[in-house]
N, C-alpha and C. Protein backbone atom coordinates (compact mmCIF):
# COMPACT_ATOMS: atom_id res chain seq x y z
N UNK A 1 23.70 -112.95 -90.65
CA UNK A 1 24.42 -112.79 -89.46
C UNK A 1 24.12 -111.30 -89.09
N UNK A 2 23.93 -111.16 -87.87
CA UNK A 2 23.95 -109.75 -87.35
C UNK A 2 24.20 -109.65 -86.00
N UNK A 3 24.42 -108.59 -85.40
CA UNK A 3 24.98 -108.46 -83.93
C UNK A 3 23.77 -108.49 -83.05
N UNK A 4 22.58 -108.72 -83.69
CA UNK A 4 21.29 -108.80 -82.96
C UNK A 4 21.32 -110.19 -82.14
N UNK A 5 22.09 -111.16 -82.52
CA UNK A 5 22.22 -112.52 -82.01
C UNK A 5 22.83 -112.42 -80.63
N UNK A 6 22.22 -112.86 -79.50
CA UNK A 6 22.81 -112.39 -78.27
C UNK A 6 24.24 -112.99 -77.81
N UNK A 7 24.40 -114.31 -78.35
CA UNK A 7 25.72 -114.87 -78.12
C UNK A 7 26.81 -114.07 -78.95
N UNK A 8 26.45 -113.53 -80.13
CA UNK A 8 27.27 -112.88 -80.87
C UNK A 8 27.82 -111.60 -80.33
N UNK A 9 26.88 -110.86 -79.89
CA UNK A 9 26.85 -109.68 -79.13
C UNK A 9 27.92 -109.64 -77.99
N UNK A 10 27.48 -110.69 -77.21
CA UNK A 10 28.37 -110.78 -75.87
C UNK A 10 29.81 -111.09 -76.42
N UNK A 11 29.90 -111.82 -77.44
CA UNK A 11 31.39 -112.10 -77.95
C UNK A 11 32.00 -111.00 -78.27
N UNK A 12 31.28 -110.28 -78.91
CA UNK A 12 32.03 -108.83 -79.54
C UNK A 12 32.25 -107.96 -78.35
N UNK A 13 31.32 -107.79 -77.51
CA UNK A 13 31.72 -106.86 -76.32
C UNK A 13 32.96 -107.57 -75.54
N UNK A 14 32.92 -108.70 -75.34
CA UNK A 14 34.12 -109.29 -74.72
C UNK A 14 35.34 -109.27 -75.46
N UNK A 15 35.47 -109.25 -76.83
CA UNK A 15 36.60 -109.01 -77.65
C UNK A 15 37.03 -107.71 -77.54
N UNK A 16 36.08 -106.71 -77.77
CA UNK A 16 36.51 -105.31 -77.56
C UNK A 16 36.98 -104.87 -76.24
N UNK A 17 36.48 -105.38 -75.22
CA UNK A 17 36.95 -105.25 -73.95
C UNK A 17 38.45 -105.82 -73.69
N UNK A 18 38.69 -107.12 -74.15
CA UNK A 18 40.16 -107.57 -74.23
C UNK A 18 41.05 -107.01 -74.96
N UNK A 19 40.65 -106.40 -76.18
CA UNK A 19 41.52 -105.57 -76.98
C UNK A 19 41.66 -104.23 -76.29
N UNK A 20 40.93 -103.72 -75.83
CA UNK A 20 41.09 -102.40 -74.99
C UNK A 20 41.98 -102.56 -73.91
N UNK A 21 41.87 -103.60 -73.02
CA UNK A 21 42.50 -103.75 -71.93
C UNK A 21 44.03 -104.21 -72.31
N UNK A 22 44.04 -105.07 -73.38
CA UNK A 22 45.42 -105.57 -73.54
C UNK A 22 45.63 -105.34 -75.29
N UNK A 23 46.03 -104.10 -75.60
CA UNK A 23 46.11 -103.68 -77.09
C UNK A 23 47.30 -104.45 -77.68
N UNK A 24 48.05 -105.23 -77.04
CA UNK A 24 49.13 -105.88 -77.70
C UNK A 24 48.81 -107.38 -78.09
N UNK A 25 47.64 -107.80 -77.86
CA UNK A 25 47.07 -108.92 -78.21
C UNK A 25 46.79 -108.95 -79.70
N UNK A 26 46.94 -110.24 -80.60
CA UNK A 26 46.52 -110.12 -81.74
C UNK A 26 44.99 -110.39 -81.84
N UNK A 27 44.38 -109.66 -82.68
CA UNK A 27 42.91 -109.55 -82.99
C UNK A 27 42.56 -111.19 -83.11
N UNK A 28 43.17 -111.77 -83.88
CA UNK A 28 42.82 -113.29 -84.40
C UNK A 28 42.94 -114.26 -83.33
N UNK A 29 43.89 -114.06 -82.36
CA UNK A 29 43.83 -114.82 -81.26
C UNK A 29 42.75 -114.60 -80.17
N UNK A 30 42.33 -113.49 -79.90
CA UNK A 30 41.28 -113.09 -79.20
C UNK A 30 39.94 -113.60 -79.69
N UNK A 31 39.89 -113.53 -81.17
CA UNK A 31 38.46 -114.10 -81.54
C UNK A 31 38.61 -115.42 -81.65
N UNK A 32 39.66 -116.20 -81.73
CA UNK A 32 39.52 -117.75 -81.63
C UNK A 32 39.16 -118.03 -80.08
N UNK A 33 39.83 -117.26 -79.20
CA UNK A 33 39.57 -117.48 -77.70
C UNK A 33 37.99 -117.21 -77.47
N UNK A 34 37.45 -116.16 -78.11
CA UNK A 34 36.04 -115.98 -77.99
C UNK A 34 35.19 -116.96 -78.54
N UNK A 35 35.60 -117.54 -79.48
CA UNK A 35 35.01 -118.75 -80.45
C UNK A 35 34.92 -119.75 -79.50
N UNK A 36 35.81 -120.12 -78.71
CA UNK A 36 35.59 -121.27 -77.81
C UNK A 36 34.70 -120.97 -76.56
N UNK A 37 34.86 -119.75 -76.14
CA UNK A 37 34.22 -119.37 -74.95
C UNK A 37 32.92 -119.24 -75.11
N UNK A 38 32.43 -118.63 -76.36
CA UNK A 38 30.99 -118.26 -76.56
C UNK A 38 30.35 -119.37 -77.51
N UNK A 39 31.13 -120.45 -77.89
CA UNK A 39 30.57 -121.50 -78.61
C UNK A 39 30.10 -121.04 -80.11
N UNK A 40 30.99 -120.22 -80.68
CA UNK A 40 30.67 -119.50 -81.84
C UNK A 40 30.79 -120.64 -83.01
N UNK A 41 29.97 -120.55 -84.22
CA UNK A 41 30.34 -121.35 -85.20
C UNK A 41 31.45 -120.54 -86.08
N UNK A 42 32.04 -121.17 -87.04
CA UNK A 42 33.22 -120.59 -87.70
C UNK A 42 32.53 -119.53 -88.72
N UNK A 43 31.31 -119.62 -89.13
CA UNK A 43 30.78 -118.43 -89.83
C UNK A 43 30.57 -117.20 -88.73
N UNK A 44 30.16 -117.34 -87.71
CA UNK A 44 30.01 -116.44 -86.45
C UNK A 44 31.33 -115.76 -86.31
N UNK A 45 32.39 -116.59 -86.19
CA UNK A 45 33.53 -116.09 -85.85
C UNK A 45 34.17 -115.06 -87.15
N UNK A 46 34.05 -115.58 -88.27
CA UNK A 46 34.34 -114.91 -89.36
C UNK A 46 33.74 -113.71 -89.55
N UNK A 47 32.38 -113.41 -89.20
CA UNK A 47 31.50 -112.54 -89.13
C UNK A 47 32.27 -111.36 -88.10
N UNK A 48 32.66 -111.80 -87.03
CA UNK A 48 33.29 -110.98 -85.88
C UNK A 48 34.41 -110.52 -86.46
N UNK A 49 35.44 -111.32 -87.00
CA UNK A 49 36.59 -110.70 -87.57
C UNK A 49 36.41 -109.73 -88.58
N UNK A 50 35.65 -109.97 -89.61
CA UNK A 50 35.25 -108.80 -90.48
C UNK A 50 34.63 -107.57 -89.98
N UNK A 51 33.86 -107.74 -89.05
CA UNK A 51 33.38 -106.51 -88.29
C UNK A 51 34.31 -105.75 -87.61
N UNK A 52 35.19 -106.64 -86.95
CA UNK A 52 36.21 -105.58 -86.03
C UNK A 52 37.26 -105.10 -87.09
N UNK A 53 37.60 -105.72 -88.10
CA UNK A 53 38.35 -105.12 -89.13
C UNK A 53 37.84 -103.83 -89.65
N UNK A 54 36.26 -103.94 -89.93
CA UNK A 54 35.72 -102.75 -90.58
C UNK A 54 35.77 -101.62 -89.34
N UNK A 55 35.65 -101.92 -88.23
CA UNK A 55 35.57 -100.78 -87.05
C UNK A 55 37.07 -100.41 -86.99
N UNK A 56 38.01 -101.20 -87.10
CA UNK A 56 39.47 -100.64 -86.93
C UNK A 56 39.75 -99.62 -88.31
N UNK A 57 39.34 -100.01 -89.41
CA UNK A 57 39.49 -99.24 -90.66
C UNK A 57 38.76 -97.88 -90.58
N UNK A 58 37.57 -97.87 -90.07
CA UNK A 58 36.77 -96.68 -89.94
C UNK A 58 37.48 -95.55 -88.79
N UNK A 59 38.26 -96.26 -87.79
CA UNK A 59 38.62 -95.48 -86.97
C UNK A 59 40.26 -94.89 -87.34
N UNK A 60 40.76 -95.43 -88.38
CA UNK A 60 42.05 -95.06 -88.76
C UNK A 60 42.04 -93.87 -89.67
N UNK A 61 42.86 -93.02 -89.74
CA UNK A 61 42.86 -91.81 -90.56
C UNK A 61 42.68 -92.21 -91.92
N UNK A 62 43.38 -93.31 -92.45
CA UNK A 62 43.13 -93.75 -93.83
C UNK A 62 41.86 -94.15 -94.20
N UNK A 63 41.12 -94.78 -93.03
CA UNK A 63 39.77 -95.31 -93.48
C UNK A 63 38.71 -94.37 -93.25
N UNK A 64 38.93 -93.09 -92.93
CA UNK A 64 37.77 -91.92 -92.84
C UNK A 64 37.60 -91.16 -94.14
N UNK A 65 38.45 -91.58 -95.11
CA UNK A 65 38.27 -90.65 -96.31
C UNK A 65 37.26 -91.27 -97.21
C-alpha cells in the first residue's frame, strides 16, 4: 500500500483538508467518511489511519525526539 494510488492520495488530501478546516472533528470519523466517499477498502482506510497517526506524532514535540 502506498500513497501512489490515486484514490488513496485524493482521500488523504481530503482528510487533511477537513481536519485543518475543522480541527475539532475526530480523525476516525473523518477517515470513515473518506472511506465511503472514496470507496476505500478496509485495508486502505487502516493505512490512512496509521499514516495520519504517524504524521501527527512527528509533528508533536514528543514525537520529534
